[in-house]
């Protein structure tokens, strides 16, 4: 697996409920995953944890079989080589979800050096 998230838990100080609780999934290199859920259910927090912007209080995140996040390990965001595009103003409003995802994938194939820098 390229990305393996196992029983991930992320908690914010001062909140009684975890933002992410017991999430597990895996993706092979080149696979596309989709997170769907209502506002406030933890989608962005999960992505921020994978990118290294949030610390895991439970579970593990592995990239290329290396643990990059767990209660005892936290590889900083700049060392993970993971890109994250924030949701605000990052999507084309005239395209649906599939076309927005396809546009980015197509752009990466046309300009692999530029995509690697982003």
PDB file of N, CA and C in Angstrom:
ATOM      1  N   UNK A   1       0.832  -1.184   0.000  1.00  0.00           N
ATOM      2  CA  UNK A   1       0.000   0.000   0.000  1.00  0.00           C
ATOM      3  C   UNK A   1       0.875   1.246   0.000  1.00  0.00           C
ATOM      4  N   UNK A   2       0.451   2.241  -0.726  1.00  0.00           N
ATOM      5  CA  UNK A   2       1.165   3.515  -0.683  1.00  0.00           C
ATOM      6  C   UNK A   2       0.728   4.321   0.537  1.00  0.00           C
ATOM      7  N   UNK A   3      -0.587   4.398   0.760  1.00  0.00           N
ATOM      8  CA  UNK A   3      -1.125   5.092   1.928  1.00  0.00           C
ATOM      9  C   UNK A   3      -1.952   4.097   2.714  1.00  0.00           C
ATOM     10  N   UNK A   4      -1.629   3.951   3.992  1.00  0.00           N
ATOM     11  CA  UNK A   4      -2.383   3.059   4.862  1.00  0.00           C
ATOM     12  C   UNK A   4      -2.717   3.804   6.143  1.00  0.00           C
ATOM     13  N   UNK A   5      -3.999   4.025   6.365  1.00  0.00           N
ATOM     14  CA  UNK A   5      -4.492   4.686   7.575  1.00  0.00           C
ATOM     15  C   UNK A   5      -5.188   3.613   8.399  1.00  0.00           C
ATOM     16  N   UNK A   6      -4.767   3.457   9.641  1.00  0.00           N
ATOM     17  CA  UNK A   6      -5.307   2.383  10.474  1.00  0.00           C
ATOM     18  C   UNK A   6      -5.773   2.927  11.827  1.00  0.00           C
ATOM     19  N   UNK A   7      -7.070   2.826  12.074  1.00  0.00           N
ATOM     20  CA  UNK A   7      -7.680   3.201  13.358  1.00  0.00           C
ATOM     21  C   UNK A   7      -7.263   4.603  13.814  1.00  0.00           C
ATOM     22  N   UNK A   8      -7.219   5.535  12.871  1.00  0.00           N
ATOM     23  CA  UNK A   8      -6.757   6.893  13.146  1.00  0.00           C
ATOM     24  C   UNK A   8      -7.706   7.634  14.078  1.00  0.00           C
ATOM     25  N   UNK A   9      -7.116   8.305  15.055  1.00  0.00           N
ATOM     26  CA  UNK A   9      -7.869   9.158  15.963  1.00  0.00           C
ATOM     27  C   UNK A   9      -7.187  10.513  16.089  1.00  0.00           C
ATOM     28  N   UNK A  10      -7.941  11.582  15.868  1.00  0.00           N
ATOM     29  CA  UNK A  10      -7.429  12.950  16.016  1.00  0.00           C
ATOM     30  C   UNK A  10      -8.397  13.699  16.924  1.00  0.00           C
ATOM     31  N   UNK A  11      -7.856  14.306  17.962  1.00  0.00           N
ATOM     32  CA  UNK A  11      -8.664  15.041  18.936  1.00  0.00           C
ATOM     33  C   UNK A  11      -8.155  16.469  19.017  1.00  0.00           C
ATOM     34  N   UNK A  12      -9.052  17.409  19.156  1.00  0.00           N
ATOM     35  CA  UNK A  12      -8.682  18.805  19.367  1.00  0.00           C
ATOM     36  C   UNK A  12      -8.857  19.144  20.844  1.00  0.00           C
ATOM     37  N   UNK A  13      -7.915  19.884  21.388  1.00  0.00           N
ATOM     38  CA  UNK A  13      -7.977  20.286  22.800  1.00  0.00           C
ATOM     39  C   UNK A  13      -9.265  21.053  23.067  1.00  0.00           C
ATOM     40  N   UNK A  14      -9.873  20.768  24.194  1.00  0.00           N
ATOM     41  CA  UNK A  14     -11.067  21.484  24.593  1.00  0.00           C
ATOM     42  C   UNK A  14     -12.355  20.941  24.001  1.00  0.00           C
ATOM     43  N   UNK A  15     -12.267  19.894  23.205  1.00  0.00           N
ATOM     44  CA  UNK A  15     -13.475  19.290  22.612  1.00  0.00           C
ATOM     45  C   UNK A  15     -13.689  17.909  23.214  1.00  0.00           C
ATOM     46  N   UNK A  16     -14.919  17.600  23.513  1.00  0.00           N
ATOM     47  CA  UNK A  16     -15.207  16.307  24.136  1.00  0.00           C
ATOM     48  C   UNK A  16     -15.229  15.166  23.130  1.00  0.00           C
ATOM     49  N   UNK A  17     -15.654  15.435  21.907  1.00  0.00           N
ATOM     50  CA  UNK A  17     -15.705  14.396  20.878  1.00  0.00           C
ATOM     51  C   UNK A  17     -14.496  14.486  19.961  1.00  0.00           C
ATOM     52  N   UNK A  18     -13.969  13.321  19.528  1.00  0.00           N
ATOM     53  CA  UNK A  18     -12.840  13.356  18.590  1.00  0.00           C
ATOM     54  C   UNK A  18     -13.284  13.869  17.226  1.00  0.00           C
ATOM     55  N   UNK A  19     -12.367  14.531  16.521  1.00  0.00           N
ATOM     56  CA  UNK A  19     -12.654  15.001  15.170  1.00  0.00           C
ATOM     57  C   UNK A  19     -12.615  13.833  14.186  1.00  0.00           C
ATOM     58  N   UNK A  20     -11.724  12.887  14.429  1.00  0.00           N
ATOM     59  CA  UNK A  20     -11.604  11.658  13.640  1.00  0.00           C
ATOM     60  C   UNK A  20     -11.477  10.519  14.639  1.00  0.00           C
ATOM     61  N   UNK A  21     -12.250   9.458  14.442  1.00  0.00           N
ATOM     62  CA  UNK A  21     -12.275   8.374  15.434  1.00  0.00           C
ATOM     63  C   UNK A  21     -12.332   7.013  14.755  1.00  0.00           C
ATOM     64  N   UNK A  22     -11.215   6.292  14.776  1.00  0.00           N
ATOM     65  CA  UNK A  22     -11.186   4.923  14.285  1.00  0.00           C
ATOM     66  C   UNK A  22     -11.275   4.757  12.781  1.00  0.00           C
ATOM     67  N   UNK A  23     -10.771   5.714  12.018  1.00  0.00           N
ATOM     68  CA  UNK A  23     -10.848   5.648  10.549  1.00  0.00           C
ATOM     69  C   UNK A  23      -9.716   4.778  10.004  1.00  0.00           C
ATOM     70  N   UNK A  24     -10.072   3.877   9.095  1.00  0.00           N
ATOM     71  CA  UNK A  24      -9.093   3.013   8.435  1.00  0.00           C
ATOM     72  C   UNK A  24      -9.397   2.929   6.944  1.00  0.00           C
ATOM     73  N   UNK A  25      -8.366   3.016   6.124  1.00  0.00           N
ATOM     74  CA  UNK A  25      -8.477   2.785   4.683  1.00  0.00           C
ATOM     75  C   UNK A  25      -7.079   2.687   4.104  1.00  0.00           C
ATOM     76  N   UNK A  26      -6.988   2.151   2.907  1.00  0.00           N
ATOM     77  CA  UNK A  26      -5.706   2.029   2.208  1.00  0.00           C
ATOM     78  C   UNK A  26      -5.885   2.422   0.752  1.00  0.00           C
ATOM     79  N   UNK A  27      -4.824   2.974   0.177  1.00  0.00           N
ATOM     80  CA  UNK A  27      -4.806   3.317  -1.244  1.00  0.00           C
ATOM     81  C   UNK A  27      -3.476   2.862  -1.838  1.00  0.00           C
ATOM     82  N   UNK A  28      -3.553   2.255  -3.005  1.00  0.00           N
ATOM     83  CA  UNK A  28      -2.355   1.921  -3.765  1.00  0.00           C
ATOM     84  C   UNK A  28      -1.876   3.182  -4.478  1.00  0.00           C
ATOM     85  N   UNK A  29      -0.633   3.223  -4.859  1.00  0.00           N
ATOM     86  CA  UNK A  29      -0.105   4.334  -5.656  1.00  0.00           C
ATOM     87  C   UNK A  29      -0.933   4.456  -6.928  1.00  0.00           C
ATOM     88  N   UNK A  30      -1.379   5.655  -7.243  1.00  0.00           N
ATOM     89  CA  UNK A  30      -2.163   5.906  -8.439  1.00  0.00           C
ATOM     90  C   UNK A  30      -3.660   5.793  -8.249  1.00  0.00           C
ATOM     91  N   UNK A  31      -4.110   5.209  -7.160  1.00  0.00           N
ATOM     92  CA  UNK A  31      -5.545   5.120  -6.897  1.00  0.00           C
ATOM     93  C   UNK A  31      -6.076   6.472  -6.438  1.00  0.00           C
ATOM     94  N   UNK A  32      -7.347   6.695  -6.686  1.00  0.00           N
ATOM     95  CA  UNK A  32      -8.016   7.910  -6.240  1.00  0.00           C
ATOM     96  C   UNK A  32      -9.046   7.525  -5.194  1.00  0.00           C
ATOM     97  N   UNK A  33      -8.993   8.176  -4.058  1.00  0.00           N
ATOM     98  CA  UNK A  33      -9.969   7.944  -2.997  1.00  0.00           C
ATOM     99  C   UNK A  33     -10.856   9.163  -2.851  1.00  0.00           C
ATOM    100  N   UNK A  34     -12.049   8.961  -2.343  1.00  0.00           N
ATOM    101  CA  UNK A  34     -13.011  10.043  -2.162  1.00  0.00           C
ATOM    102  C   UNK A  34     -13.541   9.992  -0.746  1.00  0.00           C
ATOM    103  N   UNK A  35     -13.568  11.130  -0.088  1.00  0.00           N
ATOM    104  CA  UNK A  35     -14.179  11.244   1.237  1.00  0.00           C
ATOM    105  C   UNK A  35     -15.497  11.989   1.081  1.00  0.00           C
ATOM    106  N   UNK A  36     -16.559  11.377   1.540  1.00  0.00           N
ATOM    107  CA  UNK A  36     -17.881  11.987   1.443  1.00  0.00           C
ATOM    108  C   UNK A  36     -18.504  11.997   2.829  1.00  0.00           C
ATOM    109  N   UNK A  37     -19.084  13.109   3.190  1.00  0.00           N
ATOM    110  CA  UNK A  37     -19.776  13.197   4.469  1.00  0.00           C
ATOM    111  C   UNK A  37     -20.244  14.604   4.716  1.00  0.00           C
ATOM    112  N   UNK A  38     -21.081  14.772   5.726  1.00  0.00           N
ATOM    113  CA  UNK A  38     -21.617  16.098   6.023  1.00  0.00           C
ATOM    114  C   UNK A  38     -20.544  17.030   6.589  1.00  0.00           C
ATOM    115  N   UNK A  39     -20.827  18.290   6.549  1.00  0.00           N
ATOM    116  CA  UNK A  39     -19.936  19.299   7.108  1.00  0.00           C
ATOM    117  C   UNK A  39     -19.673  18.991   8.581  1.00  0.00           C
ATOM    118  N   UNK A  40     -18.399  19.048   8.957  1.00  0.00           N
ATOM    119  CA  UNK A  40     -18.040  18.840  10.353  1.00  0.00           C
ATOM    120  C   UNK A  40     -17.805  17.400  10.749  1.00  0.00           C
ATOM    121  N   UNK A  41     -17.800  16.469   9.797  1.00  0.00           N
ATOM    122  CA  UNK A  41     -17.653  15.054  10.168  1.00  0.00           C
ATOM    123  C   UNK A  41     -16.191  14.601  10.239  1.00  0.00           C
ATOM    124  N   UNK A  42     -15.230  15.464   9.859  1.00  0.00           N
ATOM    125  CA  UNK A  42     -13.823  15.120  10.006  1.00  0.00           C
ATOM    126  C   UNK A  42     -13.055  14.889   8.715  1.00  0.00           C
ATOM    127  N   UNK A  43     -13.659  15.154   7.568  1.00  0.00           N
ATOM    128  CA  UNK A  43     -12.977  14.929   6.285  1.00  0.00           C
ATOM    129  C   UNK A  43     -11.695  15.751   6.179  1.00  0.00           C
ATOM    130  N   UNK A  44     -11.787  17.027   6.427  1.00  0.00           N
ATOM    131  CA  UNK A  44     -10.616  17.902   6.309  1.00  0.00           C
ATOM    132  C   UNK A  44      -9.579  17.567   7.373  1.00  0.00           C
ATOM    133  N   UNK A  45     -10.015  17.261   8.584  1.00  0.00           N
ATOM    134  CA  UNK A  45      -9.078  16.882   9.645  1.00  0.00           C
ATOM    135  C   UNK A  45      -8.315  15.624   9.251  1.00  0.00           C
ATOM    136  N   UNK A  46      -8.997  14.658   8.665  1.00  0.00           N
ATOM    137  CA  UNK A  46      -8.347  13.439   8.199  1.00  0.00           C
ATOM    138  C   UNK A  46      -7.280  13.765   7.157  1.00  0.00           C
ATOM    139  N   UNK A  47      -7.623  14.590   6.185  1.00  0.00           N
ATOM    140  CA  UNK A  47      -6.644  14.976   5.157  1.00  0.00           C
ATOM    141  C   UNK A  47      -5.482  15.759   5.756  1.00  0.00           C
ATOM    142  N   UNK A  48      -5.768  16.634   6.709  1.00  0.00           N
ATOM    143  CA  UNK A  48      -4.705  17.389   7.375  1.00  0.00           C
ATOM    144  C   UNK A  48      -3.768  16.460   8.150  1.00  0.00           C
ATOM    145  N   UNK A  49      -4.315  15.405   8.741  1.00  0.00           N
ATOM    146  CA  UNK A  49      -3.483  14.428   9.459  1.00  0.00           C
ATOM    147  C   UNK A  49      -2.591  13.664   8.483  1.00  0.00           C
ATOM    148  N   UNK A  50      -3.137  13.248   7.344  1.00  0.00           N
ATOM    149  CA  UNK A  50      -2.336  12.546   6.333  1.00  0.00           C
ATOM    150  C   UNK A  50      -1.219  13.460   5.831  1.00  0.00           C
ATOM    151  N   UNK A  51      -1.518  14.733   5.644  1.00  0.00           N
ATOM    152  CA  UNK A  51      -0.512  15.685   5.155  1.00  0.00           C
ATOM    153  C   UNK A  51       0.514  16.051   6.219  1.00  0.00           C
ATOM    154  N   UNK A  52       0.215  15.762   7.493  1.00  0.00           N
ATOM    155  CA  UNK A  52       1.151  16.083   8.574  1.00  0.00           C
ATOM    156  C   UNK A  52       0.850  17.383   9.276  1.00  0.00           C
ATOM    157  N   UNK A  53      -0.306  17.972   9.006  1.00  0.00           N
ATOM    158  CA  UNK A  53      -0.670  19.240   9.633  1.00  0.00           C
ATOM    159  C   UNK A  53      -1.392  19.055  10.967  1.00  0.00           C
ATOM    160  N   UNK A  54      -1.822  17.835  11.261  1.00  0.00           N
ATOM    161  CA  UNK A  54      -2.446  17.489  12.547  1.00  0.00           C
ATOM    162  C   UNK A  54      -1.763  16.230  13.070  1.00  0.00           C
ATOM    163  N   UNK A  55      -1.665  16.126  14.381  1.00  0.00           N
ATOM    164  CA  UNK A  55      -1.059  14.955  15.007  1.00  0.00           C
ATOM    165  C   UNK A  55      -2.115  13.899  15.314  1.00  0.00           C
ATOM    166  N   UNK A  56      -1.721  12.646  15.166  1.00  0.00           N
ATOM    167  CA  UNK A  56      -2.609  11.527  15.510  1.00  0.00           C
ATOM    168  C   UNK A  56      -2.469  11.222  17.001  1.00  0.00           C
ATOM    169  N   UNK A  57      -3.594  11.079  17.674  1.00  0.00           N
ATOM    170  CA  UNK A  57      -3.568  10.649  19.065  1.00  0.00           C
ATOM    171  C   UNK A  57      -3.812   9.138  19.182  1.00  0.00           C
ATOM    172  N   UNK A  58      -4.277   8.525  18.091  1.00  0.00           N
ATOM    173  CA  UNK A  58      -4.498   7.078  18.065  1.00  0.00           C
ATOM    174  C   UNK A  58      -4.284   6.590  16.637  1.00  0.00           C
ATOM    175  N   UNK A  59      -3.934   5.318  16.507  1.00  0.00           N
ATOM    176  CA  UNK A  59      -3.774   4.712  15.198  1.00  0.00           C
ATOM    177  C   UNK A  59      -2.475   5.102  14.520  1.00  0.00           C
ATOM    178  N   UNK A  60      -2.389   4.752  13.233  1.00  0.00           N
ATOM    179  CA  UNK A  60      -1.178   5.035  12.462  1.00  0.00           C
ATOM    180  C   UNK A  60      -1.517   5.491  11.051  1.00  0.00           C
ATOM    181  N   UNK A  61      -0.592   6.253  10.495  1.00  0.00           N
ATOM    182  CA  UNK A  61      -0.614   6.605   9.076  1.00  0.00           C
ATOM    183  C   UNK A  61       0.729   6.155   8.519  1.00  0.00           C
ATOM    184  N   UNK A  62       0.668   5.337   7.464  1.00  0.00           N
ATOM    185  CA  UNK A  62       1.887   4.868   6.804  1.00  0.00           C
ATOM    186  C   UNK A  62       1.896   5.373   5.370  1.00  0.00           C
ATOM    187  N   UNK A  63       3.044   5.864   4.938  1.00  0.00           N
ATOM    188  CA  UNK A  63       3.279   6.235   3.543  1.00  0.00           C
ATOM    189  C   UNK A  63       4.408   5.354   3.037  1.00  0.00           C
ATOM    190  N   UNK A  64       4.145   4.609   1.968  1.00  0.00           N
ATOM    191  CA  UNK A  64       5.142   3.688   1.406  1.00  0.00           C
ATOM    192  C   UNK A  64       5.716   2.792   2.508  1.00  0.00           C
ATOM    193  N   UNK A  65       4.858   2.281   3.366  1.00  0.00           N
ATOM    194  CA  UNK A  65       5.160   1.347   4.450  1.00  0.00           C
ATOM    195  C   UNK A  65       5.946   1.950   5.605  1.00  0.00           C
ATOM    196  N   UNK A  66       6.188   3.264   5.597  1.00  0.00           N
ATOM    197  CA  UNK A  66       6.887   3.928   6.696  1.00  0.00           C
ATOM    198  C   UNK A  66       5.857   4.648   7.558  1.00  0.00           C
ATOM    199  N   UNK A  67       5.905   4.426   8.862  1.00  0.00           N
ATOM    200  CA  UNK A  67       5.001   5.136   9.769  1.00  0.00           C
ATOM    201  C   UNK A  67       5.400   6.597   9.794  1.00  0.00           C
ATOM    202  N   UNK A  68       4.455   7.468   9.434  1.00  0.00           N
ATOM    203  CA  UNK A  68       4.705   8.907   9.458  1.00  0.00           C
ATOM    204  C   UNK A  68       3.881   9.591  10.548  1.00  0.00           C
ATOM    205  N   UNK A  69       2.913   8.865  11.112  1.00  0.00           N
ATOM    206  CA  UNK A  69       2.105   9.444  12.178  1.00  0.00           C
ATOM    207  C   UNK A  69       1.540   8.340  13.056  1.00  0.00           C
ATOM    208  N   UNK A  70       1.694   8.534  14.354  1.00  0.00           N
ATOM    209  CA  UNK A  70       1.141   7.646  15.382  1.00  0.00           C
ATOM    210  C   UNK A  70       1.224   8.445  16.683  1.00  0.00           C
ATOM    211  N   UNK A  71       0.718   7.911  17.787  1.00  0.00           N
ATOM    212  CA  UNK A  71       0.871   8.658  19.035  1.00  0.00           C
ATOM    213  C   UNK A  71       2.339   8.923  19.403  1.00  0.00           C
ATOM    214  N   UNK A  72       3.257   8.052  18.957  1.00  0.00           N
ATOM    215  CA  UNK A  72       4.671   8.202  19.306  1.00  0.00           C
ATOM    216  C   UNK A  72       5.523   8.817  18.199  1.00  0.00           C
ATOM    217  N   UNK A  73       5.007   8.876  16.969  1.00  0.00           N
ATOM    218  CA  UNK A  73       5.797   9.337  15.808  1.00  0.00           C
ATOM    219  C   UNK A  73       5.023  10.433  15.088  1.00  0.00           C
ATOM    220  N   UNK A  74       5.737  11.500  14.724  1.00  0.00           N
ATOM    221  CA  UNK A  74       5.125  12.536  13.884  1.00  0.00           C
ATOM    222  C   UNK A  74       6.181  13.090  12.934  1.00  0.00           C
ATOM    223  N   UNK A  75       6.133  12.630  11.691  1.00  0.00           N
ATOM    224  CA  UNK A  75       7.016  13.163  10.655  1.00  0.00           C
ATOM    225  C   UNK A  75       6.409  14.483  10.201  1.00  0.00           C
ATOM    226  N   UNK A  76       7.174  15.585  10.223  1.00  0.00           N
ATOM    227  CA  UNK A  76       6.602  16.881   9.856  1.00  0.00           C
ATOM    228  C   UNK A  76       6.104  16.930   8.412  1.00  0.00           C
ATOM    229  N   UNK A  77       5.160  17.803   8.175  1.00  0.00           N
ATOM    230  CA  UNK A  77       4.516  17.932   6.858  1.00  0.00           C
ATOM    231  C   UNK A  77       5.536  18.102   5.738  1.00  0.00           C
ATOM    232  N   UNK A  78       6.543  18.917   5.953  1.00  0.00           N
ATOM    233  CA  UNK A  78       7.508  19.203   4.883  1.00  0.00           C
ATOM    234  C   UNK A  78       8.377  17.993   4.533  1.00  0.00           C
ATOM    235  N   UNK A  79       8.386  16.966   5.376  1.00  0.00           N
ATOM    236  CA  UNK A  79       9.169  15.761   5.103  1.00  0.00           C
ATOM    237  C   UNK A  79       8.348  14.627   4.509  1.00  0.00           C
ATOM    238  N   UNK A  80       7.043  14.828   4.324  1.00  0.00           N
ATOM    239  CA  UNK A  80       6.179  13.745   3.844  1.00  0.00           C
ATOM    240  C   UNK A  80       6.011  13.712   2.332  1.00  0.00           C
ATOM    241  N   UNK A  81       6.312  14.780   1.647  1.00  0.00           N
ATOM    242  CA  UNK A  81       6.125  14.867   0.190  1.00  0.00           C
ATOM    243  C   UNK A  81       4.675  14.598  -0.198  1.00  0.00           C
ATOM    244  N   UNK A  82       3.773  15.180   0.557  1.00  0.00           N
ATOM    245  CA  UNK A  82       2.337  15.080   0.300  1.00  0.00           C
ATOM    246  C   UNK A  82       1.841  16.479  -0.012  1.00  0.00           C
ATOM    247  N   UNK A  83       1.109  16.623  -1.090  1.00  0.00           N
ATOM    248  CA  UNK A  83       0.508  17.908  -1.424  1.00  0.00           C
ATOM    249  C   UNK A  83      -0.928  17.960  -0.963  1.00  0.00           C
ATOM    250  N   UNK A  84      -1.365  19.136  -0.602  1.00  0.00           N
ATOM    251  CA  UNK A  84      -2.757  19.311  -0.191  1.00  0.00           C
ATOM    252  C   UNK A  84      -3.268  20.602  -0.799  1.00  0.00           C
ATOM    253  N   UNK A  85      -4.388  20.502  -1.468  1.00  0.00           N
ATOM    254  CA  UNK A  85      -5.043  21.666  -2.034  1.00  0.00           C
ATOM    255  C   UNK A  85      -6.251  21.949  -1.151  1.00  0.00           C
ATOM    256  N   UNK A  86      -6.290  23.112  -0.562  1.00  0.00           N
ATOM    257  CA  UNK A  86      -7.385  23.439   0.342  1.00  0.00           C
ATOM    258  C   UNK A  86      -8.653  23.693  -0.452  1.00  0.00           C
ATOM    259  N   UNK A  87      -9.791  23.403   0.165  1.00  0.00           N
ATOM    260  CA  UNK A  87     -11.060  23.400  -0.564  1.00  0.00           C
ATOM    261  C   UNK A  87     -11.534  24.782  -0.994  1.00  0.00           C
ATOM    262  N   UNK A  88     -11.197  25.817  -0.286  1.00  0.00           N
ATOM    263  CA  UNK A  88     -11.673  27.144  -0.653  1.00  0.00           C
ATOM    264  C   UNK A  88     -11.022  27.622  -1.935  1.00  0.00           C
ATOM    265  N   UNK A  89     -11.842  27.899  -2.932  1.00  0.00           N
ATOM    266  CA  UNK A  89     -11.410  28.427  -4.215  1.00  0.00           C
ATOM    267  C   UNK A  89     -10.470  27.498  -4.975  1.00  0.00           C
ATOM    268  N   UNK A  90     -10.408  26.226  -4.594  1.00  0.00           N
ATOM    269  CA  UNK A  90      -9.506  25.305  -5.264  1.00  0.00           C
ATOM    270  C   UNK A  90     -10.203  24.497  -6.353  1.00  0.00           C
ATOM    271  N   UNK A  91     -11.519  24.603  -6.450  1.00  0.00           N
ATOM    272  CA  UNK A  91     -12.262  23.842  -7.445  1.00  0.00           C
ATOM    273  C   UNK A  91     -12.821  24.775  -8.506  1.00  0.00           C
ATOM    274  N   UNK A  92     -12.971  24.236  -9.702  1.00  0.00           N
ATOM    275  CA  UNK A  92     -13.611  25.005 -10.759  1.00  0.00           C
ATOM    276  C   UNK A  92     -15.122  24.934 -10.557  1.00  0.00           C
ATOM    277  N   UNK A  93     -15.777  26.063 -10.346  1.00  0.00           N
ATOM    278  CA  UNK A  93     -17.215  26.034 -10.060  1.00  0.00           C
ATOM    279  C   UNK A  93     -18.073  25.561 -11.231  1.00  0.00           C
ATOM    280  N   UNK A  94     -17.534  25.639 -12.444  1.00  0.00           N
ATOM    281  CA  UNK A  94     -18.306  25.218 -13.615  1.00  0.00           C
ATOM    282  C   UNK A  94     -18.171  23.725 -13.902  1.00  0.00           C
ATOM    283  N   UNK A  95     -17.317  23.012 -13.129  1.00  0.00           N
ATOM    284  CA  UNK A  95     -17.129  21.574 -13.310  1.00  0.00           C
ATOM    285  C   UNK A  95     -17.745  20.806 -12.145  1.00  0.00           C
ATOM    286  N   UNK A  96     -18.221  19.593 -12.432  1.00  0.00           N
ATOM    287  CA  UNK A  96     -18.710  18.755 -11.343  1.00  0.00           C
ATOM    288  C   UNK A  96     -17.520  18.081 -10.658  1.00  0.00           C
ATOM    289  N   UNK A  97     -17.779  17.248  -9.635  1.00  0.00           N
ATOM    290  CA  UNK A  97     -16.709  16.628  -8.860  1.00  0.00           C
ATOM    291  C   UNK A  97     -15.801  15.783  -9.750  1.00  0.00           C
ATOM    292  N   UNK A  98     -16.394  14.935 -10.569  1.00  0.00           N
ATOM    293  CA  UNK A  98     -15.597  14.056 -11.427  1.00  0.00           C
ATOM    294  C   UNK A  98     -14.700  14.847 -12.371  1.00  0.00           C
ATOM    295  N   UNK A  99     -15.230  15.918 -12.955  1.00  0.00           N
ATOM    296  CA  UNK A  99     -14.427  16.712 -13.888  1.00  0.00           C
ATOM    297  C   UNK A  99     -13.330  17.503 -13.168  1.00  0.00           C
ATOM    298  N   UNK A 100     -13.577  17.970 -11.938  1.00  0.00           N
ATOM    299  CA  UNK A 100     -12.527  18.631 -11.161  1.00  0.00           C
ATOM    300  C   UNK A 100     -11.389  17.662 -10.860  1.00  0.00           C
ATOM    301  N   UNK A 101     -11.709  16.439 -10.456  1.00  0.00           N
ATOM    302  CA  UNK A 101     -10.684  15.437 -10.163  1.00  0.00           C
ATOM    303  C   UNK A 101      -9.947  15.059 -11.444  1.00  0.00           C
ATOM    304  N   UNK A 102     -10.680  14.837 -12.515  1.00  0.00           N
ATOM    305  CA  UNK A 102     -10.066  14.458 -13.785  1.00  0.00           C
ATOM    306  C   UNK A 102      -9.159  15.563 -14.323  1.00  0.00           C
ATOM    307  N   UNK A 103      -9.539  16.818 -14.126  1.00  0.00           N
ATOM    308  CA  UNK A 103      -8.716  17.932 -14.598  1.00  0.00           C
ATOM    309  C   UNK A 103      -7.349  17.890 -13.931  1.00  0.00           C
ATOM    310  N   UNK A 104      -7.313  17.699 -12.615  1.00  0.00           N
ATOM    311  CA  UNK A 104      -6.041  17.668 -11.892  1.00  0.00           C
ATOM    312  C   UNK A 104      -5.206  16.473 -12.333  1.00  0.00           C
ATOM    313  N   UNK A 105      -5.833  15.311 -12.484  1.00  0.00           N
ATOM    314  CA  UNK A 105      -5.098  14.120 -12.913  1.00  0.00           C
ATOM    315  C   UNK A 105      -4.533  14.319 -14.315  1.00  0.00           C
ATOM    316  N   UNK A 106      -5.323  14.921 -15.203  1.00  0.00           N
ATOM    317  CA  UNK A 106      -4.879  15.173 -16.571  1.00  0.00           C
ATOM    318  C   UNK A 106      -3.726  16.184 -16.587  1.00  0.00           C
ATOM    319  N   UNK A 107      -3.826  17.229 -15.781  1.00  0.00           N
ATOM    320  CA  UNK A 107      -2.769  18.244 -15.714  1.00  0.00           C
ATOM    321  C   UNK A 107      -1.472  17.645 -15.191  1.00  0.00           C
ATOM    322  N   UNK A 108      -1.554  16.708 -14.242  1.00  0.00           N
ATOM    323  CA  UNK A 108      -0.351  16.071 -13.706  1.00  0.00           C
ATOM    324  C   UNK A 108       0.356  15.247 -14.759  1.00  0.00           C
ATOM    325  N   UNK A 109      -0.400  14.578 -15.627  1.00  0.00           N
ATOM    326  CA  UNK A 109       0.216  13.775 -16.690  1.00  0.00           C
ATOM    327  C   UNK A 109       0.858  14.655 -17.748  1.00  0.00           C
ATOM    328  N   UNK A 110       0.258  15.824 -18.025  1.00  0.00           N
ATOM    329  CA  UNK A 110       0.816  16.715 -19.053  1.00  0.00           C
ATOM    330  C   UNK A 110       2.051  17.437 -18.552  1.00  0.00           C
ATOM    331  N   UNK A 111       2.095  17.756 -17.243  1.00  0.00           N
ATOM    332  CA  UNK A 111       3.192  18.527 -16.669  1.00  0.00           C
ATOM    333  C   UNK A 111       3.707  17.834 -15.414  1.00  0.00           C
ATOM    334  N   UNK A 112       4.349  16.658 -15.531  1.00  0.00           N
ATOM    335  CA  UNK A 112       4.755  15.920 -14.337  1.00  0.00           C
ATOM    336  C   UNK A 112       5.734  16.692 -13.454  1.00  0.00           C
ATOM    337  N   UNK A 113       6.631  17.471 -14.028  1.00  0.00           N
ATOM    338  CA  UNK A 113       7.569  18.245 -13.196  1.00  0.00           C
ATOM    339  C   UNK A 113       6.850  19.314 -12.391  1.00  0.00           C
ATOM    340  N   UNK A 114       5.898  19.986 -12.995  1.00  0.00           N
ATOM    341  CA  UNK A 114       5.133  21.012 -12.291  1.00  0.00           C
ATOM    342  C   UNK A 114       4.290  20.371 -11.187  1.00  0.00           C
ATOM    343  N   UNK A 115       3.666  19.236 -11.457  1.00  0.00           N
ATOM    344  CA  UNK A 115       2.832  18.552 -10.471  1.00  0.00           C
ATOM    345  C   UNK A 115       3.674  18.107  -9.276  1.00  0.00           C
ATOM    346  N   UNK A 116       4.928  17.681  -9.526  1.00  0.00           N
ATOM    347  CA  UNK A 116       5.787  17.242  -8.440  1.00  0.00           C
ATOM    348  C   UNK A 116       6.176  18.396  -7.520  1.00  0.00           C
ATOM    349  N   UNK A 117       6.270  19.607  -8.066  1.00  0.00           N
ATOM    350  CA  UNK A 117       6.617  20.767  -7.252  1.00  0.00           C
ATOM    351  C   UNK A 117       5.456  21.241  -6.402  1.00  0.00           C
ATOM    352  N   UNK A 118       4.234  20.929  -6.783  1.00  0.00           N
ATOM    353  CA  UNK A 118       3.067  21.459  -6.078  1.00  0.00           C
ATOM    354  C   UNK A 118       2.732  20.708  -4.845  1.00  0.00           C
TER     355      UNK A 118
END
